[in-house]
Amino acid sequence: IASEATLEMIRERGKEDIELTASLEHARGAFYFGAAANTAALGDTDYEVDLYVGWQPQWAGWEWDLNAKRVSYFGGSGDIDHWEFYAQATRTVGAVTGVFLVGGSPDYEGVADQAHWANMNLAYALTPKLSADVGGGFQDQVGAPDYAWWQAGVTYAFSSSVSGDLHWYDTDNAAGLGESGEGQLVAALSWAF
């Protein structure tokens, strides 16, 4: 049995506000459930709340994560919510960790009717406290622009419960996605307790 709570502050280049994220998760064996809330906005909404359940078995040298999540946005002119489902496989060999994920939503957010995505991330532990990673993926949406995305950055563990990271995120479709598709430098400070 394990429980974890986290608080994260994120500052994006070009944004005036700091995004706050809080989450609480409880695990028993390979099963887990949790909730997360943040001040991320979609359209004119004020905040997001996620409720999720999942299963994390280990098989054939890989760590798997099968997850179902209800994402809800509140405030503004109306509430928006949808389901998301994903499967993730993670494997560490020496100092390199690879994460591969596929997911989708039958009733995705905003103007998209549905969406499917795939991505991968490779991280390299430079020291016991410092790691660098690169990643990318593609999102296919019905009723909204498709796009590829990529990111690169570093994460530093100040202690066993506090970490900071600095990442650059970008897409190939800033014209179709607007401000959310433009390149952004994002700094985050996370505290797990």
C-alpha atoms as a PDB file:
ATOM      1  CA  ILE A   1       0.000   0.000   0.000  1.00  0.00           C
ATOM      2  CA  ALA A   2       1.380   3.397  -0.953  1.00  0.00           C
ATOM      3  CA  SER A   3       0.018   6.914  -1.063  1.00  0.00           C
ATOM      4  CA  GLU A   4       1.635   9.985  -2.533  1.00  0.00           C
ATOM      5  CA  ALA A   5       0.701  13.643  -2.801  1.00  0.00           C
ATOM      6  CA  THR A   6       2.483  16.140  -5.031  1.00  0.00           C
ATOM      7  CA  LEU A   7       2.437  19.880  -5.557  1.00  0.00           C
ATOM      8  CA  GLU A   8       3.912  21.350  -8.725  1.00  0.00           C
ATOM      9  CA  MET A   9       4.448  24.922  -9.876  1.00  0.00           C
ATOM     10  CA  ILE A  10       4.987  25.499 -13.593  1.00  0.00           C
ATOM     11  CA  ARG A  11       6.058  28.698 -15.302  1.00  0.00           C
ATOM     12  CA  GLU A  12       5.793  28.892 -19.105  1.00  0.00           C
ATOM     13  CA  ARG A  13       7.594  31.416 -21.257  1.00  0.00           C
ATOM     14  CA  GLY A  14       5.202  34.138 -22.361  1.00  0.00           C
ATOM     15  CA  LYS A  15       2.576  33.333 -19.720  1.00  0.00           C
ATOM     16  CA  GLU A  16       1.895  35.773 -16.910  1.00  0.00           C
ATOM     17  CA  ASP A  17       0.499  33.231 -14.451  1.00  0.00           C
ATOM     18  CA  ILE A  18       2.122  30.293 -12.717  1.00  0.00           C
ATOM     19  CA  GLU A  19       0.221  27.035 -13.163  1.00  0.00           C
ATOM     20  CA  LEU A  20      -0.334  25.082  -9.934  1.00  0.00           C
ATOM     21  CA  THR A  21      -0.947  21.336  -9.946  1.00  0.00           C
ATOM     22  CA  ALA A  22      -1.818  19.169  -6.941  1.00  0.00           C
ATOM     23  CA  SER A  23      -2.382  15.428  -6.985  1.00  0.00           C
ATOM     24  CA  LEU A  24      -3.126  12.599  -4.590  1.00  0.00           C
ATOM     25  CA  GLU A  25      -2.623   8.935  -5.493  1.00  0.00           C
ATOM     26  CA  HIS A  26      -3.106   5.672  -3.616  1.00  0.00           C
ATOM     27  CA  ALA A  27      -1.775   2.280  -4.726  1.00  0.00           C
ATOM     28  CA  ARG A  28      -2.392  -1.249  -3.520  1.00  0.00           C
ATOM     29  CA  GLY A  29      -0.316  -3.861  -5.279  1.00  0.00           C
ATOM     30  CA  ALA A  30      -0.323  -3.122  -9.021  1.00  0.00           C
ATOM     31  CA  PHE A  31      -3.628  -1.184  -8.879  1.00  0.00           C
ATOM     32  CA  TYR A  32      -3.872   2.552  -8.217  1.00  0.00           C
ATOM     33  CA  PHE A  33      -6.324   5.426  -8.270  1.00  0.00           C
ATOM     34  CA  GLY A  34      -6.017   9.129  -7.812  1.00  0.00           C
ATOM     35  CA  ALA A  35      -7.089  12.672  -8.456  1.00  0.00           C
ATOM     36  CA  ALA A  36      -5.275  15.727  -9.761  1.00  0.00           C
ATOM     37  CA  ALA A  37      -6.305  19.368 -10.067  1.00  0.00           C
ATOM     38  CA  ASN A  38      -4.543  22.235 -11.790  1.00  0.00           C
ATOM     39  CA  THR A  39      -5.063  25.775 -12.930  1.00  0.00           C
ATOM     40  CA  ALA A  40      -4.549  24.892 -16.599  1.00  0.00           C
ATOM     41  CA  ALA A  41      -7.258  26.449 -18.694  1.00  0.00           C
ATOM     42  CA  LEU A  42      -8.970  25.210 -21.854  1.00  0.00           C
ATOM     43  CA  GLY A  43     -10.714  28.031 -23.682  1.00  0.00           C
ATOM     44  CA  ASP A  44     -12.175  30.283 -21.013  1.00  0.00           C
ATOM     45  CA  THR A  45     -12.325  27.635 -18.254  1.00  0.00           C
ATOM     46  CA  ASP A  46     -10.613  28.259 -14.914  1.00  0.00           C
ATOM     47  CA  TYR A  47      -9.234  24.894 -13.800  1.00  0.00           C
ATOM     48  CA  GLU A  48      -8.950  21.162 -14.593  1.00  0.00           C
ATOM     49  CA  VAL A  49      -9.760  18.145 -12.394  1.00  0.00           C
ATOM     50  CA  ASP A  50      -8.703  14.589 -13.332  1.00  0.00           C
ATOM     51  CA  LEU A  51      -9.923  11.340 -11.727  1.00  0.00           C
ATOM     52  CA  TYR A  52      -8.123   8.164 -12.761  1.00  0.00           C
ATOM     53  CA  VAL A  53      -7.603   4.446 -12.155  1.00  0.00           C
ATOM     54  CA  GLY A  54      -4.917   2.160 -13.457  1.00  0.00           C
ATOM     55  CA  TRP A  55      -3.013  -1.083 -13.324  1.00  0.00           C
ATOM     56  CA  GLN A  56       0.817  -1.301 -13.386  1.00  0.00           C
ATOM     57  CA  PRO A  57       1.980  -4.887 -13.906  1.00  0.00           C
ATOM     58  CA  GLN A  58       5.507  -5.991 -14.749  1.00  0.00           C
ATOM     59  CA  TRP A  59       5.931  -8.418 -17.622  1.00  0.00           C
ATOM     60  CA  ALA A  60       8.807  -9.527 -19.885  1.00  0.00           C
ATOM     61  CA  GLY A  61      11.248  -7.032 -18.345  1.00  0.00           C
ATOM     62  CA  TRP A  62       8.919  -4.065 -18.927  1.00  0.00           C
ATOM     63  CA  GLU A  63       6.857  -1.960 -16.528  1.00  0.00           C
ATOM     64  CA  TRP A  64       3.338  -1.503 -17.948  1.00  0.00           C
ATOM     65  CA  ASP A  65       0.682   1.075 -17.100  1.00  0.00           C
ATOM     66  CA  LEU A  66      -2.921   0.748 -18.301  1.00  0.00           C
ATOM     67  CA  ASN A  67      -4.966   3.815 -17.341  1.00  0.00           C
ATOM     68  CA  ALA A  68      -8.463   5.315 -17.656  1.00  0.00           C
ATOM     69  CA  LYS A  69      -8.939   8.980 -16.791  1.00  0.00           C
ATOM     70  CA  ARG A  70     -11.885  11.381 -16.649  1.00  0.00           C
ATOM     71  CA  VAL A  71     -10.697  14.924 -17.434  1.00  0.00           C
ATOM     72  CA  SER A  72     -13.001  17.822 -16.508  1.00  0.00           C
ATOM     73  CA  TYR A  73     -12.581  21.576 -16.981  1.00  0.00           C
ATOM     74  CA  PHE A  74     -14.683  23.976 -14.889  1.00  0.00           C
ATOM     75  CA  GLY A  75     -15.566  27.668 -14.918  1.00  0.00           C
ATOM     76  CA  GLY A  76     -15.995  30.048 -17.796  1.00  0.00           C
ATOM     77  CA  SER A  77     -18.896  29.690 -20.209  1.00  0.00           C
ATOM     78  CA  GLY A  78     -19.404  25.984 -19.634  1.00  0.00           C
ATOM     79  CA  ASP A  79     -17.972  22.786 -18.233  1.00  0.00           C
ATOM     80  CA  ILE A  80     -16.000  20.522 -20.597  1.00  0.00           C
ATOM     81  CA  ASP A  81     -15.125  16.896 -19.877  1.00  0.00           C
ATOM     82  CA  HIS A  82     -13.953  13.764 -21.666  1.00  0.00           C
ATOM     83  CA  TRP A  83     -12.463  10.301 -21.154  1.00  0.00           C
ATOM     84  CA  GLU A  84      -8.851   9.334 -21.948  1.00  0.00           C
ATOM     85  CA  PHE A  85      -7.344   5.834 -22.095  1.00  0.00           C
ATOM     86  CA  TYR A  86      -3.704   4.868 -22.527  1.00  0.00           C
ATOM     87  CA  ALA A  87      -1.200   2.037 -22.387  1.00  0.00           C
ATOM     88  CA  GLN A  88       2.432   2.746 -21.507  1.00  0.00           C
ATOM     89  CA  ALA A  89       5.535   0.544 -21.482  1.00  0.00           C
ATOM     90  CA  THR A  90       8.741   1.539 -19.651  1.00  0.00           C
ATOM     91  CA  ARG A  91      12.134  -0.144 -19.599  1.00  0.00           C
ATOM     92  CA  THR A  92      15.452   0.874 -18.061  1.00  0.00           C
ATOM     93  CA  VAL A  93      18.748  -0.483 -19.375  1.00  0.00           C
ATOM     94  CA  GLY A  94      21.765   0.894 -17.522  1.00  0.00           C
ATOM     95  CA  ALA A  95      21.444   4.689 -17.369  1.00  0.00           C
ATOM     96  CA  VAL A  96      18.834   4.886 -20.184  1.00  0.00           C
ATOM     97  CA  THR A  97      15.077   4.715 -19.634  1.00  0.00           C
ATOM     98  CA  GLY A  98      12.646   4.427 -22.539  1.00  0.00           C
ATOM     99  CA  VAL A  99       8.935   5.191 -22.240  1.00  0.00           C
ATOM    100  CA  PHE A 100       6.486   4.336 -25.043  1.00  0.00           C
ATOM    101  CA  LEU A 101       2.813   5.332 -24.882  1.00  0.00           C
ATOM    102  CA  VAL A 102      -0.325   5.022 -27.020  1.00  0.00           C
ATOM    103  CA  GLY A 103      -3.646   6.558 -26.058  1.00  0.00           C
ATOM    104  CA  GLY A 104      -6.907   7.960 -27.200  1.00  0.00           C
ATOM    105  CA  SER A 105     -10.163   9.627 -26.356  1.00  0.00           C
ATOM    106  CA  PRO A 106     -13.572   8.894 -27.914  1.00  0.00           C
ATOM    107  CA  ASP A 107     -14.864  12.365 -26.942  1.00  0.00           C
ATOM    108  CA  TYR A 108     -11.817  14.626 -26.788  1.00  0.00           C
ATOM    109  CA  GLU A 109     -11.661  18.208 -25.485  1.00  0.00           C
ATOM    110  CA  GLY A 110     -12.425  21.400 -27.338  1.00  0.00           C
ATOM    111  CA  VAL A 111     -13.502  21.123 -30.969  1.00  0.00           C
ATOM    112  CA  ALA A 112     -12.005  17.660 -31.491  1.00  0.00           C
ATOM    113  CA  ASP A 113     -14.550  14.834 -31.582  1.00  0.00           C
ATOM    114  CA  GLN A 114     -11.960  12.171 -30.853  1.00  0.00           C
ATOM    115  CA  ALA A 115      -8.198  11.853 -30.716  1.00  0.00           C
ATOM    116  CA  HIS A 116      -5.452   9.234 -30.834  1.00  0.00           C
ATOM    117  CA  TRP A 117      -1.832   9.755 -29.862  1.00  0.00           C
ATOM    118  CA  ALA A 118       1.497   7.995 -29.590  1.00  0.00           C
ATOM    119  CA  ASN A 119       4.744   9.180 -28.099  1.00  0.00           C
ATOM    120  CA  MET A 120       8.099   8.080 -26.806  1.00  0.00           C
ATOM    121  CA  ASN A 121      10.637   9.511 -24.400  1.00  0.00           C
ATOM    122  CA  LEU A 122      14.276   8.569 -23.765  1.00  0.00           C
ATOM    123  CA  ALA A 123      15.987   9.708 -20.565  1.00  0.00           C
ATOM    124  CA  TYR A 124      19.651   9.390 -19.649  1.00  0.00           C
ATOM    125  CA  ALA A 125      20.858   9.623 -16.034  1.00  0.00           C
ATOM    126  CA  LEU A 126      23.900  11.921 -16.235  1.00  0.00           C
ATOM    127  CA  THR A 127      24.463  11.696 -12.470  1.00  0.00           C
ATOM    128  CA  PRO A 128      22.404  10.199  -9.635  1.00  0.00           C
ATOM    129  CA  LYS A 129      20.567  13.569  -9.350  1.00  0.00           C
ATOM    130  CA  LEU A 130      20.645  14.953 -12.918  1.00  0.00           C
ATOM    131  CA  SER A 131      18.982  13.478 -15.998  1.00  0.00           C
ATOM    132  CA  ALA A 132      18.439  14.674 -19.553  1.00  0.00           C
ATOM    133  CA  ASP A 133      15.623  13.537 -21.809  1.00  0.00           C
ATOM    134  CA  VAL A 134      14.199  13.927 -25.300  1.00  0.00           C
ATOM    135  CA  GLY A 135      10.831  12.876 -26.584  1.00  0.00           C
ATOM    136  CA  GLY A 136       8.262  13.293 -29.266  1.00  0.00           C
ATOM    137  CA  GLY A 137       4.964  12.098 -30.566  1.00  0.00           C
ATOM    138  CA  PHE A 138       1.977  12.622 -32.810  1.00  0.00           C
ATOM    139  CA  GLN A 139      -1.662  13.471 -32.126  1.00  0.00           C
ATOM    140  CA  ASP A 140      -4.366  12.639 -34.682  1.00  0.00           C
ATOM    141  CA  GLN A 141      -7.647  14.494 -34.025  1.00  0.00           C
ATOM    142  CA  VAL A 142     -11.049  14.321 -35.697  1.00  0.00           C
ATOM    143  CA  GLY A 143     -12.427  17.843 -36.073  1.00  0.00           C
ATOM    144  CA  ALA A 144      -9.233  19.623 -34.978  1.00  0.00           C
ATOM    145  CA  PRO A 145      -5.673  20.024 -36.345  1.00  0.00           C
ATOM    146  CA  ASP A 146      -3.278  17.052 -36.195  1.00  0.00           C
ATOM    147  CA  TYR A 147       0.233  17.743 -34.980  1.00  0.00           C
ATOM    148  CA  ALA A 148       3.605  16.286 -34.097  1.00  0.00           C
ATOM    149  CA  TRP A 149       5.387  17.507 -30.971  1.00  0.00           C
ATOM    150  CA  TRP A 150       8.837  17.188 -29.416  1.00  0.00           C
ATOM    151  CA  GLN A 151      10.576  18.186 -26.213  1.00  0.00           C
ATOM    152  CA  ALA A 152      14.031  18.181 -24.647  1.00  0.00           C
ATOM    153  CA  GLY A 153      15.214  19.124 -21.207  1.00  0.00           C
ATOM    154  CA  VAL A 154      16.846  18.325 -17.908  1.00  0.00           C
ATOM    155  CA  THR A 155      15.566  17.340 -14.449  1.00  0.00           C
ATOM    156  CA  TYR A 156      17.477  17.778 -11.188  1.00  0.00           C
ATOM    157  CA  ALA A 157      16.563  16.051  -7.892  1.00  0.00           C
ATOM    158  CA  PHE A 158      17.304  18.494  -5.080  1.00  0.00           C
ATOM    159  CA  SER A 159      16.257  15.820  -2.561  1.00  0.00           C
ATOM    160  CA  SER A 160      14.206  12.636  -2.484  1.00  0.00           C
ATOM    161  CA  SER A 161      11.021  14.733  -2.513  1.00  0.00           C
ATOM    162  CA  VAL A 162      11.896  17.964  -4.385  1.00  0.00           C
ATOM    163  CA  SER A 163      12.883  18.208  -8.049  1.00  0.00           C
ATOM    164  CA  GLY A 164      13.103  20.900 -10.680  1.00  0.00           C
ATOM    165  CA  ASP A 165      13.108  20.685 -14.432  1.00  0.00           C
ATOM    166  CA  LEU A 166      13.577  22.883 -17.458  1.00  0.00           C
ATOM    167  CA  HIS A 167      12.176  21.733 -20.825  1.00  0.00           C
ATOM    168  CA  TRP A 168      11.568  23.113 -24.295  1.00  0.00           C
ATOM    169  CA  TYR A 169       8.310  21.998 -25.970  1.00  0.00           C
ATOM    170  CA  ASP A 170       7.366  22.615 -29.611  1.00  0.00           C
ATOM    171  CA  THR A 171       5.058  21.398 -32.404  1.00  0.00           C
ATOM    172  CA  ASP A 172       5.006  21.351 -36.190  1.00  0.00           C
ATOM    173  CA  ASN A 173       1.618  23.117 -36.385  1.00  0.00           C
ATOM    174  CA  ALA A 174       1.727  26.469 -34.574  1.00  0.00           C
ATOM    175  CA  ALA A 175      -0.456  27.965 -37.344  1.00  0.00           C
ATOM    176  CA  GLY A 176      -3.229  25.413 -36.766  1.00  0.00           C
ATOM    177  CA  LEU A 177      -2.953  25.223 -32.971  1.00  0.00           C
ATOM    178  CA  GLY A 178      -2.423  28.896 -32.159  1.00  0.00           C
ATOM    179  CA  GLU A 179      -0.507  29.901 -29.040  1.00  0.00           C
ATOM    180  CA  SER A 180      -0.605  26.368 -27.567  1.00  0.00           C
ATOM    181  CA  GLY A 181       1.327  25.094 -30.613  1.00  0.00           C
ATOM    182  CA  GLU A 182       4.173  27.601 -30.325  1.00  0.00           C
ATOM    183  CA  GLY A 183       7.520  26.645 -28.814  1.00  0.00           C
ATOM    184  CA  GLN A 184       7.636  27.135 -25.057  1.00  0.00           C
ATOM    185  CA  LEU A 185      10.313  26.992 -22.397  1.00  0.00           C
ATOM    186  CA  VAL A 186       8.738  25.490 -19.255  1.00  0.00           C
ATOM    187  CA  ALA A 187      10.244  25.460 -15.770  1.00  0.00           C
ATOM    188  CA  ALA A 188       8.693  23.292 -13.048  1.00  0.00           C
ATOM    189  CA  LEU A 189       9.325  22.701  -9.358  1.00  0.00           C
ATOM    190  CA  SER A 190       7.786  19.519  -7.869  1.00  0.00           C
ATOM    191  CA  TRP A 191       7.392  18.456  -4.262  1.00  0.00           C
ATOM    192  CA  ALA A 192       6.210  14.938  -3.326  1.00  0.00           C
ATOM    193  CA  PHE A 193       5.157  14.300   0.248  1.00  0.00           C
END
